[in-house]
Amino acid sequence: MKRILLIVLLLTACNRQEKNEAQVQTGGSIDRGKAAIQRYGCQACHKVPGVDGPQGMVGPSLEHMAARNYIAGKFPNTPENMTRWLQNPQSMDPNNAMPNLSVTPADSRDITAYLYTLK
C-alpha cells in the first residue's frame, strides 16, 4: 500500500512539473488554453484529448502534440511556431486546410500551453 501511494505521489509531482514547464515555455495558461480550445471550437475538426465536445476527424488528432517534431508536417514544433500557426495558419502555409479563426495572441499562447501538455 505504501508503495502504491509513493508511486501516485511521484506521478502527481511529475505531472505538475510538466504542466509548469509547458506554461513557462509558452508564456500561456493551460486552463485558459483548454477553455479557448472549446471557445474556438477546435474539437469540431480535431480530436483534442481532455476537451469535452465532439471529437472531429477533419483535421489530425492533437494527441501527443507536445511530442511531435513538426506542426502541419512542415514547421519545427516550437512555442513560437505553434502560436504563430494558431493565429494565422495561412500566413505560414497558404495551401493548408485549417481556417483562420482569428485566434488572439494571448489565446494562442494559452492554447499552445495546453497542447504542450499532450505528450
PDB file of N, CA and C in Angstrom:
ATOM      1  N   MET A   1       0.820  -1.190   0.000  1.00  0.00           N
ATOM      2  CA  MET A   1       0.000   0.000   0.000  1.00  0.00           C
ATOM      3  C   MET A   1       0.870   1.264   0.000  1.00  0.00           C
ATOM      4  N   LYS A   2       1.932   1.274   0.794  1.00  0.00           N
ATOM      5  CA  LYS A   2       2.827   2.431   0.845  1.00  0.00           C
ATOM      6  C   LYS A   2       3.492   2.651  -0.509  1.00  0.00           C
ATOM      7  N   ARG A   3       3.821   1.562  -1.167  1.00  0.00           N
ATOM      8  CA  ARG A   3       4.475   1.648  -2.472  1.00  0.00           C
ATOM      9  C   ARG A   3       3.537   2.286  -3.507  1.00  0.00           C
ATOM     10  N   ILE A   4       2.283   1.905  -3.471  1.00  0.00           N
ATOM     11  CA  ILE A   4       1.288   2.475  -4.397  1.00  0.00           C
ATOM     12  C   ILE A   4       1.122   3.969  -4.129  1.00  0.00           C
ATOM     13  N   LEU A   5       1.034   4.346  -2.874  1.00  0.00           N
ATOM     14  CA  LEU A   5       0.906   5.757  -2.510  1.00  0.00           C
ATOM     15  C   LEU A   5       2.116   6.553  -2.987  1.00  0.00           C
ATOM     16  N   LEU A   6       3.302   5.992  -2.820  1.00  0.00           N
ATOM     17  CA  LEU A   6       4.527   6.657  -3.269  1.00  0.00           C
ATOM     18  C   LEU A   6       4.513   6.848  -4.786  1.00  0.00           C
ATOM     19  N   ILE A   7       4.088   5.839  -5.520  1.00  0.00           N
ATOM     20  CA  ILE A   7       4.021   5.934  -6.979  1.00  0.00           C
ATOM     21  C   ILE A   7       3.031   7.015  -7.391  1.00  0.00           C
ATOM     22  N   VAL A   8       1.879   7.052  -6.764  1.00  0.00           N
ATOM     23  CA  VAL A   8       0.872   8.077  -7.073  1.00  0.00           C
ATOM     24  C   VAL A   8       1.427   9.470  -6.796  1.00  0.00           C
ATOM     25  N   LEU A   9       2.098   9.641  -5.673  1.00  0.00           N
ATOM     26  CA  LEU A   9       2.682  10.941  -5.331  1.00  0.00           C
ATOM     27  C   LEU A   9       3.751  11.356  -6.338  1.00  0.00           C
ATOM     28  N   LEU A  10       4.587  10.422  -6.756  1.00  0.00           N
ATOM     29  CA  LEU A  10       5.622  10.728  -7.747  1.00  0.00           C
ATOM     30  C   LEU A  10       5.016  11.102  -9.094  1.00  0.00           C
ATOM     31  N   LEU A  11       3.999  10.375  -9.524  1.00  0.00           N
ATOM     32  CA  LEU A  11       3.347  10.696 -10.794  1.00  0.00           C
ATOM     33  C   LEU A  11       2.678  12.064 -10.744  1.00  0.00           C
ATOM     34  N   THR A  12       2.059  12.380  -9.626  1.00  0.00           N
ATOM     35  CA  THR A  12       1.423  13.692  -9.463  1.00  0.00           C
ATOM     36  C   THR A  12       2.468  14.800  -9.529  1.00  0.00           C
ATOM     37  N   ALA A  13       3.595  14.608  -8.862  1.00  0.00           N
ATOM     38  CA  ALA A  13       4.662  15.617  -8.871  1.00  0.00           C
ATOM     39  C   ALA A  13       5.230  15.785 -10.277  1.00  0.00           C
ATOM     40  N   CYS A  14       5.425  14.682 -11.014  1.00  0.00           N
ATOM     41  CA  CYS A  14       5.947  14.764 -12.387  1.00  0.00           C
ATOM     42  C   CYS A  14       4.958  15.480 -13.290  1.00  0.00           C
ATOM     43  N   ASN A  15       3.683  15.169 -13.150  1.00  0.00           N
ATOM     44  CA  ASN A  15       2.655  15.809 -13.963  1.00  0.00           C
ATOM     45  C   ASN A  15       2.612  17.306 -13.682  1.00  0.00           C
ATOM     46  N   ARG A  16       2.695  17.687 -12.422  1.00  0.00           N
ATOM     47  CA  ARG A  16       2.691  19.101 -12.047  1.00  0.00           C
ATOM     48  C   ARG A  16       3.899  19.816 -12.635  1.00  0.00           C
ATOM     49  N   GLN A  17       5.061  19.159 -12.591  1.00  0.00           N
ATOM     50  CA  GLN A  17       6.284  19.745 -13.144  1.00  0.00           C
ATOM     51  C   GLN A  17       6.160  19.920 -14.659  1.00  0.00           C
ATOM     52  N   GLU A  18       5.611  18.932 -15.355  1.00  0.00           N
ATOM     53  CA  GLU A  18       5.419  19.034 -16.807  1.00  0.00           C
ATOM     54  C   GLU A  18       4.485  20.187 -17.151  1.00  0.00           C
ATOM     55  N   LYS A  19       3.416  20.357 -16.386  1.00  0.00           N
ATOM     56  CA  LYS A  19       2.483  21.462 -16.628  1.00  0.00           C
ATOM     57  C   LYS A  19       3.159  22.808 -16.393  1.00  0.00           C
ATOM     58  N   ASN A  20       3.937  22.904 -15.333  1.00  0.00           N
ATOM     59  CA  ASN A  20       4.660  24.150 -15.071  1.00  0.00           C
ATOM     60  C   ASN A  20       5.627  24.465 -16.204  1.00  0.00           C
ATOM     61  N   GLU A  21       6.328  23.439 -16.692  1.00  0.00           N
ATOM     62  CA  GLU A  21       7.253  23.636 -17.805  1.00  0.00           C
ATOM     63  C   GLU A  21       6.526  24.115 -19.053  1.00  0.00           C
ATOM     64  N   ALA A  22       5.364  23.551 -19.336  1.00  0.00           N
ATOM     65  CA  ALA A  22       4.584  23.959 -20.513  1.00  0.00           C
ATOM     66  C   ALA A  22       4.178  25.429 -20.404  1.00  0.00           C
ATOM     67  N   GLN A  23       3.788  25.850 -19.219  1.00  0.00           N
ATOM     68  CA  GLN A  23       3.370  27.242 -19.041  1.00  0.00           C
ATOM     69  C   GLN A  23       4.552  28.198 -19.138  1.00  0.00           C
ATOM     70  N   VAL A  24       5.684  27.825 -18.570  1.00  0.00           N
ATOM     71  CA  VAL A  24       6.879  28.674 -18.636  1.00  0.00           C
ATOM     72  C   VAL A  24       7.373  28.753 -20.081  1.00  0.00           C
ATOM     73  N   GLN A  25       7.422  27.621 -20.737  1.00  0.00           N
ATOM     74  CA  GLN A  25       7.932  27.532 -22.106  1.00  0.00           C
ATOM     75  C   GLN A  25       7.090  28.364 -23.083  1.00  0.00           C
ATOM     76  N   THR A  26       5.774  28.418 -22.869  1.00  0.00           N
ATOM     77  CA  THR A  26       4.874  29.071 -23.825  1.00  0.00           C
ATOM     78  C   THR A  26       4.425  30.462 -23.398  1.00  0.00           C
ATOM     79  N   GLY A  27       4.532  30.758 -22.118  1.00  0.00           N
ATOM     80  CA  GLY A  27       4.015  32.028 -21.614  1.00  0.00           C
ATOM     81  C   GLY A  27       2.504  32.044 -21.524  1.00  0.00           C
ATOM     82  N   GLY A  28       1.889  30.861 -21.590  1.00  0.00           N
ATOM     83  CA  GLY A  28       0.428  30.765 -21.557  1.00  0.00           C
ATOM     84  C   GLY A  28      -0.071  30.028 -20.339  1.00  0.00           C
ATOM     85  N   SER A  29      -1.387  29.952 -20.237  1.00  0.00           N
ATOM     86  CA  SER A  29      -2.058  29.267 -19.139  1.00  0.00           C
ATOM     87  C   SER A  29      -2.751  28.020 -19.680  1.00  0.00           C
ATOM     88  N   ILE A  30      -2.474  26.890 -19.090  1.00  0.00           N
ATOM     89  CA  ILE A  30      -3.074  25.631 -19.528  1.00  0.00           C
ATOM     90  C   ILE A  30      -4.589  25.678 -19.379  1.00  0.00           C
ATOM     91  N   ASP A  31      -5.071  26.139 -18.242  1.00  0.00           N
ATOM     92  CA  ASP A  31      -6.521  26.180 -18.009  1.00  0.00           C
ATOM     93  C   ASP A  31      -7.227  27.112 -18.991  1.00  0.00           C
ATOM     94  N   ARG A  32      -6.651  28.290 -19.210  1.00  0.00           N
ATOM     95  CA  ARG A  32      -7.255  29.204 -20.192  1.00  0.00           C
ATOM     96  C   ARG A  32      -7.161  28.625 -21.598  1.00  0.00           C
ATOM     97  N   GLY A  33      -6.087  27.885 -21.873  1.00  0.00           N
ATOM     98  CA  GLY A  33      -5.922  27.257 -23.176  1.00  0.00           C
ATOM     99  C   GLY A  33      -6.997  26.227 -23.454  1.00  0.00           C
ATOM    100  N   LYS A  34      -7.292  25.410 -22.462  1.00  0.00           N
ATOM    101  CA  LYS A  34      -8.348  24.407 -22.618  1.00  0.00           C
ATOM    102  C   LYS A  34      -9.687  25.087 -22.879  1.00  0.00           C
ATOM    103  N   ALA A  35      -9.965  26.157 -22.143  1.00  0.00           N
ATOM    104  CA  ALA A  35     -11.208  26.906 -22.353  1.00  0.00           C
ATOM    105  C   ALA A  35     -11.235  27.545 -23.747  1.00  0.00           C
ATOM    106  N   ALA A  36     -10.096  28.057 -24.193  1.00  0.00           N
ATOM    107  CA  ALA A  36     -10.030  28.683 -25.521  1.00  0.00           C
ATOM    108  C   ALA A  36     -10.247  27.650 -26.625  1.00  0.00           C
ATOM    109  N   ILE A  37      -9.728  26.458 -26.453  1.00  0.00           N
ATOM    110  CA  ILE A  37      -9.946  25.390 -27.434  1.00  0.00           C
ATOM    111  C   ILE A  37     -11.439  25.136 -27.583  1.00  0.00           C
ATOM    112  N   GLN A  38     -12.152  25.101 -26.475  1.00  0.00           N
ATOM    113  CA  GLN A  38     -13.605  24.902 -26.532  1.00  0.00           C
ATOM    114  C   GLN A  38     -14.289  26.111 -27.167  1.00  0.00           C
ATOM    115  N   ARG A  39     -13.871  27.290 -26.804  1.00  0.00           N
ATOM    116  CA  ARG A  39     -14.494  28.516 -27.309  1.00  0.00           C
ATOM    117  C   ARG A  39     -14.312  28.659 -28.822  1.00  0.00           C
ATOM    118  N   TYR A  40     -13.126  28.329 -29.332  1.00  0.00           N
ATOM    119  CA  TYR A  40     -12.869  28.425 -30.771  1.00  0.00           C
ATOM    120  C   TYR A  40     -13.407  27.213 -31.541  1.00  0.00           C
ATOM    121  N   GLY A  41     -13.818  26.183 -30.815  1.00  0.00           N
ATOM    122  CA  GLY A  41     -14.393  25.006 -31.458  1.00  0.00           C
ATOM    123  C   GLY A  41     -13.374  24.110 -32.148  1.00  0.00           C
ATOM    124  N   CYS A  42     -12.151  24.092 -31.648  1.00  0.00           N
ATOM    125  CA  CYS A  42     -11.087  23.283 -32.274  1.00  0.00           C
ATOM    126  C   CYS A  42     -11.470  21.812 -32.370  1.00  0.00           C
ATOM    127  N   GLN A  43     -12.208  21.330 -31.358  1.00  0.00           N
ATOM    128  CA  GLN A  43     -12.568  19.921 -31.321  1.00  0.00           C
ATOM    129  C   GLN A  43     -13.616  19.555 -32.372  1.00  0.00           C
ATOM    130  N   ALA A  44     -14.153  20.522 -33.083  1.00  0.00           N
ATOM    131  CA  ALA A  44     -15.071  20.205 -34.182  1.00  0.00           C
ATOM    132  C   ALA A  44     -14.309  19.552 -35.340  1.00  0.00           C
ATOM    133  N   CYS A  45     -13.033  19.882 -35.485  1.00  0.00           N
ATOM    134  CA  CYS A  45     -12.212  19.321 -36.567  1.00  0.00           C
ATOM    135  C   CYS A  45     -11.134  18.364 -36.068  1.00  0.00           C
ATOM    136  N   HIS A  46     -10.704  18.534 -34.820  1.00  0.00           N
ATOM    137  CA  HIS A  46      -9.594  17.745 -34.272  1.00  0.00           C
ATOM    138  C   HIS A  46     -10.054  16.925 -33.077  1.00  0.00           C
ATOM    139  N   LYS A  47      -9.422  15.799 -32.879  1.00  0.00           N
ATOM    140  CA  LYS A  47      -9.550  15.072 -31.620  1.00  0.00           C
ATOM    141  C   LYS A  47      -8.601  15.758 -30.653  1.00  0.00           C
ATOM    142  N   VAL A  48      -9.151  16.282 -29.551  1.00  0.00           N
ATOM    143  CA  VAL A  48      -8.342  17.001 -28.573  1.00  0.00           C
ATOM    144  C   VAL A  48      -8.528  16.318 -27.217  1.00  0.00           C
ATOM    145  N   PRO A  49      -7.560  15.528 -26.784  1.00  0.00           N
ATOM    146  CA  PRO A  49      -7.680  14.842 -25.502  1.00  0.00           C
ATOM    147  C   PRO A  49      -7.941  15.816 -24.352  1.00  0.00           C
ATOM    148  N   GLY A  50      -8.890  15.426 -23.493  1.00  0.00           N
ATOM    149  CA  GLY A  50      -9.185  16.229 -22.314  1.00  0.00           C
ATOM    150  C   GLY A  50     -10.159  17.363 -22.545  1.00  0.00           C
ATOM    151  N   VAL A  51     -10.611  17.554 -23.785  1.00  0.00           N
ATOM    152  CA  VAL A  51     -11.551  18.635 -24.090  1.00  0.00           C
ATOM    153  C   VAL A  51     -12.892  18.010 -24.443  1.00  0.00           C
ATOM    154  N   ASP A  52     -13.941  18.442 -23.747  1.00  0.00           N
ATOM    155  CA  ASP A  52     -15.279  17.918 -23.983  1.00  0.00           C
ATOM    156  C   ASP A  52     -15.828  18.395 -25.323  1.00  0.00           C
ATOM    157  N   GLY A  53     -16.783  17.654 -25.823  1.00  0.00           N
ATOM    158  CA  GLY A  53     -17.440  18.025 -27.066  1.00  0.00           C
ATOM    159  C   GLY A  53     -17.122  17.034 -28.161  1.00  0.00           C
ATOM    160  N   PRO A  54     -17.520  17.377 -29.365  1.00  0.00           N
ATOM    161  CA  PRO A  54     -17.271  16.457 -30.482  1.00  0.00           C
ATOM    162  C   PRO A  54     -15.776  16.255 -30.668  1.00  0.00           C
ATOM    163  N   GLN A  55     -15.428  15.153 -31.222  1.00  0.00           N
ATOM    164  CA  GLN A  55     -14.022  14.847 -31.500  1.00  0.00           C
ATOM    165  C   GLN A  55     -13.900  14.675 -33.008  1.00  0.00           C
ATOM    166  N   GLY A  56     -13.647  15.783 -33.696  1.00  0.00           N
ATOM    167  CA  GLY A  56     -13.643  15.808 -35.147  1.00  0.00           C
ATOM    168  C   GLY A  56     -12.550  14.968 -35.767  1.00  0.00           C
ATOM    169  N   MET A  57     -12.773  14.671 -37.037  1.00  0.00           N
ATOM    170  CA  MET A  57     -11.814  13.872 -37.788  1.00  0.00           C
ATOM    171  C   MET A  57     -11.415  14.558 -39.091  1.00  0.00           C
ATOM    172  N   VAL A  58     -11.773  15.815 -39.255  1.00  0.00           N
ATOM    173  CA  VAL A  58     -11.390  16.561 -40.457  1.00  0.00           C
ATOM    174  C   VAL A  58      -9.899  16.868 -40.419  1.00  0.00           C
ATOM    175  N   GLY A  59      -9.450  17.377 -39.287  1.00  0.00           N
ATOM    176  CA  GLY A  59      -8.028  17.661 -39.093  1.00  0.00           C
ATOM    177  C   GLY A  59      -7.391  16.523 -38.316  1.00  0.00           C
ATOM    178  N   PRO A  60      -6.077  16.542 -38.195  1.00  0.00           N
ATOM    179  CA  PRO A  60      -5.395  15.464 -37.464  1.00  0.00           C
ATOM    180  C   PRO A  60      -5.699  15.506 -35.967  1.00  0.00           C
ATOM    181  N   SER A  61      -5.582  14.356 -35.346  1.00  0.00           N
ATOM    182  CA  SER A  61      -5.701  14.287 -33.898  1.00  0.00           C
ATOM    183  C   SER A  61      -4.572  15.106 -33.280  1.00  0.00           C
ATOM    184  N   LEU A  62      -4.864  15.754 -32.179  1.00  0.00           N
ATOM    185  CA  LEU A  62      -3.839  16.533 -31.483  1.00  0.00           C
ATOM    186  C   LEU A  62      -3.238  15.753 -30.311  1.00  0.00           C
ATOM    187  N   GLU A  63      -3.541  14.454 -30.250  1.00  0.00           N
ATOM    188  CA  GLU A  63      -2.902  13.599 -29.252  1.00  0.00           C
ATOM    189  C   GLU A  63      -1.390  13.666 -29.447  1.00  0.00           C
ATOM    190  N   HIS A  64      -0.690  13.721 -28.372  1.00  0.00           N
ATOM    191  CA  HIS A  64       0.779  13.717 -28.379  1.00  0.00           C
ATOM    192  C   HIS A  64       1.379  14.916 -29.132  1.00  0.00           C
ATOM    193  N   MET A  65       0.651  16.012 -29.198  1.00  0.00           N
ATOM    194  CA  MET A  65       1.139  17.181 -29.935  1.00  0.00           C
ATOM    195  C   MET A  65       2.479  17.671 -29.388  1.00  0.00           C
ATOM    196  N   ALA A  66       2.662  17.608 -28.092  1.00  0.00           N
ATOM    197  CA  ALA A  66       3.908  18.098 -27.495  1.00  0.00           C
ATOM    198  C   ALA A  66       5.113  17.251 -27.893  1.00  0.00           C
ATOM    199  N   ALA A  67       4.879  16.007 -28.253  1.00  0.00           N
ATOM    200  CA  ALA A  67       5.977  15.113 -28.598  1.00  0.00           C
ATOM    201  C   ALA A  67       6.310  15.129 -30.094  1.00  0.00           C
ATOM    202  N   ARG A  68       5.532  15.821 -30.877  1.00  0.00           N
ATOM    203  CA  ARG A  68       5.762  15.831 -32.320  1.00  0.00           C
ATOM    204  C   ARG A  68       6.895  16.780 -32.687  1.00  0.00           C
ATOM    205  N   ASN A  69       7.594  16.429 -33.740  1.00  0.00           N
ATOM    206  CA  ASN A  69       8.698  17.267 -34.207  1.00  0.00           C
ATOM    207  C   ASN A  69       8.224  18.434 -35.068  1.00  0.00           C
ATOM    208  N   TYR A  70       7.089  18.249 -35.750  1.00  0.00           N
ATOM    209  CA  TYR A  70       6.636  19.260 -36.704  1.00  0.00           C
ATOM    210  C   TYR A  70       5.171  19.615 -36.505  1.00  0.00           C
ATOM    211  N   ILE A  71       4.854  20.828 -36.891  1.00  0.00           N
ATOM    212  CA  ILE A  71       3.481  21.318 -36.965  1.00  0.00           C
ATOM    213  C   ILE A  71       3.106  21.266 -38.438  1.00  0.00           C
ATOM    214  N   ALA A  72       1.965  20.660 -38.735  1.00  0.00           N
ATOM    215  CA  ALA A  72       1.483  20.535 -40.110  1.00  0.00           C
ATOM    216  C   ALA A  72       2.498  19.834 -41.015  1.00  0.00           C
ATOM    217  N   GLY A  73       3.364  19.050 -40.423  1.00  0.00           N
ATOM    218  CA  GLY A  73       4.346  18.302 -41.178  1.00  0.00           C
ATOM    219  C   GLY A  73       5.431  19.139 -41.829  1.00  0.00           C
ATOM    220  N   LYS A  74       5.495  20.438 -41.501  1.00  0.00           N
ATOM    221  CA  LYS A  74       6.422  21.339 -42.186  1.00  0.00           C
ATOM    222  C   LYS A  74       7.270  22.212 -41.282  1.00  0.00           C
ATOM    223  N   PHE A  75       6.738  22.596 -40.145  1.00  0.00           N
ATOM    224  CA  PHE A  75       7.373  23.624 -39.316  1.00  0.00           C
ATOM    225  C   PHE A  75       7.835  23.020 -37.994  1.00  0.00           C
ATOM    226  N   PRO A  76       9.056  23.321 -37.561  1.00  0.00           N
ATOM    227  CA  PRO A  76       9.517  22.797 -36.273  1.00  0.00           C
ATOM    228  C   PRO A  76       8.519  23.137 -35.165  1.00  0.00           C
ATOM    229  N   ASN A  77       8.255  22.165 -34.328  1.00  0.00           N
ATOM    230  CA  ASN A  77       7.281  22.338 -33.252  1.00  0.00           C
ATOM    231  C   ASN A  77       7.923  23.108 -32.098  1.00  0.00           C
ATOM    232  N   THR A  78       7.898  24.432 -32.223  1.00  0.00           N
ATOM    233  CA  THR A  78       8.380  25.325 -31.172  1.00  0.00           C
ATOM    234  C   THR A  78       7.204  26.156 -30.684  1.00  0.00           C
ATOM    235  N   PRO A  79       7.273  26.692 -29.464  1.00  0.00           N
ATOM    236  CA  PRO A  79       6.180  27.543 -28.996  1.00  0.00           C
ATOM    237  C   PRO A  79       5.912  28.731 -29.937  1.00  0.00           C
ATOM    238  N   GLU A  80       6.976  29.305 -30.472  1.00  0.00           N
ATOM    239  CA  GLU A  80       6.803  30.456 -31.372  1.00  0.00           C
ATOM    240  C   GLU A  80       6.049  30.050 -32.636  1.00  0.00           C
ATOM    241  N   ASN A  81       6.447  28.937 -33.238  1.00  0.00           N
ATOM    242  CA  ASN A  81       5.765  28.475 -34.451  1.00  0.00           C
ATOM    243  C   ASN A  81       4.326  28.064 -34.163  1.00  0.00           C
ATOM    244  N   MET A  82       4.095  27.419 -33.032  1.00  0.00           N
ATOM    245  CA  MET A  82       2.738  26.984 -32.708  1.00  0.00           C
ATOM    246  C   MET A  82       1.823  28.187 -32.505  1.00  0.00           C
ATOM    247  N   THR A  83       2.269  29.184 -31.759  1.00  0.00           N
ATOM    248  CA  THR A  83       1.408  30.348 -31.533  1.00  0.00           C
ATOM    249  C   THR A  83       1.151  31.094 -32.845  1.00  0.00           C
ATOM    250  N   ARG A  84       2.171  31.182 -33.672  1.00  0.00           N
ATOM    251  CA  ARG A  84       2.004  31.828 -34.978  1.00  0.00           C
ATOM    252  C   ARG A  84       1.027  31.043 -35.853  1.00  0.00           C
ATOM    253  N   TRP A  85       1.165  29.726 -35.866  1.00  0.00           N
ATOM    254  CA  TRP A  85       0.274  28.853 -36.640  1.00  0.00           C
ATOM    255  C   TRP A  85      -1.173  29.033 -36.190  1.00  0.00           C
ATOM    256  N   LEU A  86      -1.392  29.034 -34.891  1.00  0.00           N
ATOM    257  CA  LEU A  86      -2.754  29.162 -34.371  1.00  0.00           C
ATOM    258  C   LEU A  86      -3.379  30.509 -34.714  1.00  0.00           C
ATOM    259  N   GLN A  87      -2.575  31.546 -34.744  1.00  0.00           N
ATOM    260  CA  GLN A  87      -3.100  32.876 -35.050  1.00  0.00           C
ATOM    261  C   GLN A  87      -3.476  33.033 -36.519  1.00  0.00           C
ATOM    262  N   ASN A  88      -2.669  32.452 -37.408  1.00  0.00           N
ATOM    263  CA  ASN A  88      -2.948  32.618 -38.833  1.00  0.00           C
ATOM    264  C   ASN A  88      -2.230  31.523 -39.633  1.00  0.00           C
ATOM    265  N   PRO A  89      -2.862  30.344 -39.732  1.00  0.00           N
ATOM    266  CA  PRO A  89      -2.193  29.237 -40.415  1.00  0.00           C
ATOM    267  C   PRO A  89      -1.885  29.527 -41.888  1.00  0.00           C
ATOM    268  N   GLN A  90      -2.707  30.327 -42.554  1.00  0.00           N
ATOM    269  CA  GLN A  90      -2.460  30.636 -43.968  1.00  0.00           C
ATOM    270  C   GLN A  90      -1.214  31.487 -44.178  1.00  0.00           C
ATOM    271  N   SER A  91      -0.827  32.260 -43.176  1.00  0.00           N
ATOM    272  CA  SER A  91       0.387  33.063 -43.326  1.00  0.00           C
ATOM    273  C   SER A  91       1.627  32.171 -43.376  1.00  0.00           C
ATOM    274  N   MET A  92       1.530  30.980 -42.786  1.00  0.00           N
ATOM    275  CA  MET A  92       2.654  30.049 -42.787  1.00  0.00           C
ATOM    276  C   MET A  92       2.579  29.071 -43.962  1.00  0.00           C
ATOM    277  N   ASP A  93       1.362  28.694 -44.326  1.00  0.00           N
ATOM    278  CA  ASP A  93       1.156  27.758 -45.439  1.00  0.00           C
ATOM    279  C   ASP A  93      -0.181  28.084 -46.098  1.00  0.00           C
ATOM    280  N   PRO A  94      -0.150  28.862 -47.172  1.00  0.00           N
ATOM    281  CA  PRO A  94      -1.393  29.273 -47.830  1.00  0.00           C
ATOM    282  C   PRO A  94      -2.226  28.116 -48.380  1.00  0.00           C
ATOM    283  N   ASN A  95      -1.646  26.946 -48.528  1.00  0.00           N
ATOM    284  CA  ASN A  95      -2.364  25.810 -49.108  1.00  0.00           C
ATOM    285  C   ASN A  95      -2.916  24.838 -48.071  1.00  0.00           C
ATOM    286  N   ASN A  96      -2.858  25.183 -46.795  1.00  0.00           N
ATOM    287  CA  ASN A  96      -3.376  24.255 -45.789  1.00  0.00           C
ATOM    288  C   ASN A  96      -4.889  24.434 -45.636  1.00  0.00           C
ATOM    289  N   ALA A  97      -5.527  23.450 -45.033  1.00  0.00           N
ATOM    290  CA  ALA A  97      -6.987  23.458 -44.904  1.00  0.00           C
ATOM    291  C   ALA A  97      -7.488  24.058 -43.597  1.00  0.00           C
ATOM    292  N   MET A  98      -6.590  24.383 -42.677  1.00  0.00           N
ATOM    293  CA  MET A  98      -7.039  24.924 -41.394  1.00  0.00           C
ATOM    294  C   MET A  98      -7.498  26.362 -41.568  1.00  0.00           C
ATOM    295  N   PRO A  99      -8.720  26.653 -41.116  1.00  0.00           N
ATOM    296  CA  PRO A  99      -9.222  28.022 -41.273  1.00  0.00           C
ATOM    297  C   PRO A  99      -8.556  28.988 -40.301  1.00  0.00           C
ATOM    298  N   ASN A 100      -8.512  30.245 -40.690  1.00  0.00           N
ATOM    299  CA  ASN A 100      -8.037  31.294 -39.796  1.00  0.00           C
ATOM    300  C   ASN A 100      -9.209  31.661 -38.892  1.00  0.00           C
ATOM    301  N   LEU A 101      -9.099  31.344 -37.622  1.00  0.00           N
ATOM    302  CA  LEU A 101     -10.167  31.608 -36.661  1.00  0.00           C
ATOM    303  C   LEU A 101      -9.955  32.911 -35.906  1.00  0.00           C
ATOM    304  N   SER A 102      -8.982  33.714 -36.343  1.00  0.00           N
ATOM    305  CA  SER A 102      -8.664  34.981 -35.685  1.00  0.00           C
ATOM    306  C   SER A 102      -8.354  34.784 -34.203  1.00  0.00           C
ATOM    307  N   VAL A 103      -7.554  33.760 -33.923  1.00  0.00           N
ATOM    308  CA  VAL A 103      -7.130  33.491 -32.545  1.00  0.00           C
ATOM    309  C   VAL A 103      -6.220  34.630 -32.103  1.00  0.00           C
ATOM    310  N   THR A 104      -6.497  35.186 -30.955  1.00  0.00           N
ATOM    311  CA  THR A 104      -5.705  36.305 -30.448  1.00  0.00           C
ATOM    312  C   THR A 104      -4.322  35.823 -30.009  1.00  0.00           C
ATOM    313  N   PRO A 105      -3.355  36.722 -29.930  1.00  0.00           N
ATOM    314  CA  PRO A 105      -2.028  36.316 -29.442  1.00  0.00           C
ATOM    315  C   PRO A 105      -2.081  35.673 -28.046  1.00  0.00           C
ATOM    316  N   ALA A 106      -2.861  36.243 -27.148  1.00  0.00           N
ATOM    317  CA  ALA A 106      -2.953  35.685 -25.790  1.00  0.00           C
ATOM    318  C   ALA A 106      -3.585  34.299 -25.828  1.00  0.00           C
ATOM    319  N   ASP A 107      -4.671  34.148 -26.575  1.00  0.00           N
ATOM    320  CA  ASP A 107      -5.311  32.837 -26.674  1.00  0.00           C
ATOM    321  C   ASP A 107      -4.387  31.814 -27.329  1.00  0.00           C
ATOM    322  N   SER A 108      -3.612  32.233 -28.318  1.00  0.00           N
ATOM    323  CA  SER A 108      -2.726  31.280 -28.977  1.00  0.00           C
ATOM    324  C   SER A 108      -1.631  30.797 -28.014  1.00  0.00           C
ATOM    325  N   ARG A 109      -1.138  31.662 -27.141  1.00  0.00           N
ATOM    326  CA  ARG A 109      -0.152  31.233 -26.134  1.00  0.00           C
ATOM    327  C   ARG A 109      -0.792  30.245 -25.156  1.00  0.00           C
ATOM    328  N   ASP A 110      -2.039  30.530 -24.770  1.00  0.00           N
ATOM    329  CA  ASP A 110      -2.742  29.649 -23.834  1.00  0.00           C
ATOM    330  C   ASP A 110      -3.037  28.290 -24.481  1.00  0.00           C
ATOM    331  N   ILE A 111      -3.495  28.291 -25.720  1.00  0.00           N
ATOM    332  CA  ILE A 111      -3.766  27.029 -26.424  1.00  0.00           C
ATOM    333  C   ILE A 111      -2.470  26.237 -26.586  1.00  0.00           C
ATOM    334  N   THR A 112      -1.399  26.932 -26.924  1.00  0.00           N
ATOM    335  CA  THR A 112      -0.106  26.263 -27.053  1.00  0.00           C
ATOM    336  C   THR A 112       0.301  25.635 -25.729  1.00  0.00           C
ATOM    337  N   ALA A 113       0.089  26.335 -24.623  1.00  0.00           N
ATOM    338  CA  ALA A 113       0.410  25.775 -23.307  1.00  0.00           C
ATOM    339  C   ALA A 113      -0.364  24.476 -23.091  1.00  0.00           C
ATOM    340  N   TYR A 114      -1.659  24.469 -23.429  1.00  0.00           N
ATOM    341  CA  TYR A 114      -2.447  23.246 -23.269  1.00  0.00           C
ATOM    342  C   TYR A 114      -1.922  22.139 -24.182  1.00  0.00           C
ATOM    343  N   LEU A 115      -1.692  22.466 -25.445  1.00  0.00           N
ATOM    344  CA  LEU A 115      -1.219  21.459 -26.387  1.00  0.00           C
ATOM    345  C   LEU A 115       0.125  20.874 -25.961  1.00  0.00           C
ATOM    346  N   TYR A 116       0.946  21.666 -25.300  1.00  0.00           N
ATOM    347  CA  TYR A 116       2.249  21.184 -24.862  1.00  0.00           C
ATOM    348  C   TYR A 116       2.171  20.293 -23.626  1.00  0.00           C
ATOM    349  N   THR A 117       0.974  20.067 -23.104  1.00  0.00           N
ATOM    350  CA  THR A 117       0.791  19.077 -22.048  1.00  0.00           C
ATOM    351  C   THR A 117       0.433  17.713 -22.644  1.00  0.00           C
ATOM    352  N   LEU A 118       0.141  17.677 -23.939  1.00  0.00           N
ATOM    353  CA  LEU A 118      -0.282  16.439 -24.596  1.00  0.00           C
ATOM    354  C   LEU A 118       0.932  15.682 -25.110  1.00  0.00           C
ATOM    355  N   LYS A 119       1.526  14.899 -24.234  1.00  0.00           N
ATOM    356  CA  LYS A 119       2.760  14.171 -24.590  1.00  0.00           C
ATOM    357  C   LYS A 119       2.469  12.750 -24.986  1.00  0.00           C
TER     358      LYS A 119
END
